[in-house]
């Protein structure tokens, strides 16, 4: 090794040690239910500075991934790869759209598409799964740490494939974004644009990522994987984690079986009698009539009962962006072919961008896992830390309420979720009614827990309290908030 390279390694190790020290300061107060108020803001700032310093020091060690090809050229190679490996693109009603109206890459209709028409059929042979990898990675995946946190194992596998110029998945990896807009990559200043509850969630994710990174480095050191260790920078790990967070999908585990000459190779679907082929089912599914269902019956919510699931990245399908207008999940695993099949949730005209529905998730979930928010999201919710009663006051009304809270086993403070459809829920509304009640309203309850409106005035105070807490979630400078829709870091 050259003296310059050795010097770079020493600087990187020094930066890693420094970040580990700052991380330990944070973790001293870290516990699963921590609040960001528990942390010294200066300690958080020093932690972020140490993380950025490490990324800068490690930059020269990162693999040289410079690629001068245009996006169009990369996608052409990608589509050829799909065609060569069982994806019949010519038979599908969609094609790749690059940077569609500033929303990133997506899929566009090549003809008019009717609701329930098939959009995609992707074989598992082109998917990157947690069951893949070389012998070393498979050995790691069986360890408790990776088996309990499959996203980490899949991210590590994606990264090793990225560094392998001969990877089977190279055409797919080459079209993945080089950077993501996920909060785990935000700076200290960007983090502080959010309210405390969201700051806490993001900080927890970043802390977990740092801990995972250090654990993997220790594992690579233990197994003397020097080349991997030198290239395994925090920036590369963060990229791989973002790939998995924005694209992971669950595949059911179906055991392969051998067909005996004496076994019947076809049997009917238990609900519609369609002929099914034995090789697409596990031994248990084939023997039990109740587990044999065709794709159509699975779509109608009559599904197989798999032995479990594993995480997977699905090329081409992962280019589909989200729209709340699609309203339902239309992606399934065919029990006949084990291919991923995706159907149109609504009609699309030729040249329209084609969308799917990512599920009933809040905007917090979309932001943290996909890097966007959906302004039309009817499933959006807010997680608020509510203090129902401040029992530090010793006035008569507070003492009476405190006794009632204790009697009814109601917490003085807890997290509540508010969404546009259900509000805060009946139970929380009743607790809030008790929280804002005056002495006369308390007396009218006759020492019973409220189960309905106490008075119009009481309800007014209750809703004013909810609005007040929701208002606290809105940053003072709301001019630069992210209101982009349908962008899943494609």
Foldseek 3Di string as FASTA:
>chain_A
DDPVVVVLVVQLVVLLVQLVVLLVLVCVQDDPPDFPVVDDLVSVQSNLVSQVSNCVSLVVLADPPDDPDDLVVLVVVVVVLQVVPPWPVVVAQWDWDACPVVQGIFIFGQFWAFFFAWHGWFACVLKQWLCDDDPVLNVVCPDPVCVVVVLLSSLVRLLVLCNDPPRSNPSQNVNADPDAQALLPDGSVVLVLFDRVLSVVSVVVVSVLSVSLVVVLVVCVVVVVVSCNSNSGSSSSVVSSLLCLLFKDKAFDFDFDDDDPPDDQWFAQLPPGDIAGDRLHHPVLVVDNQQGHFPVVVQVVSHHDGPGIIIIGTPPVSRAWADCVLVDAAWDQGSRRRIIIGTQSRIDGGRHGGHGHPDLDAQSSCRNRQNAGAPPRQSHKDKFKDQLADLVDDDPLRVVLVVLCVVVVHDRIDIFMAGPPQGRHQVVLQSNLSSQDDPVLVVVCVSPRDRDDSDPVSSVVSVVVVVVRVVSRQRPPNPPDGNDGGRRSD
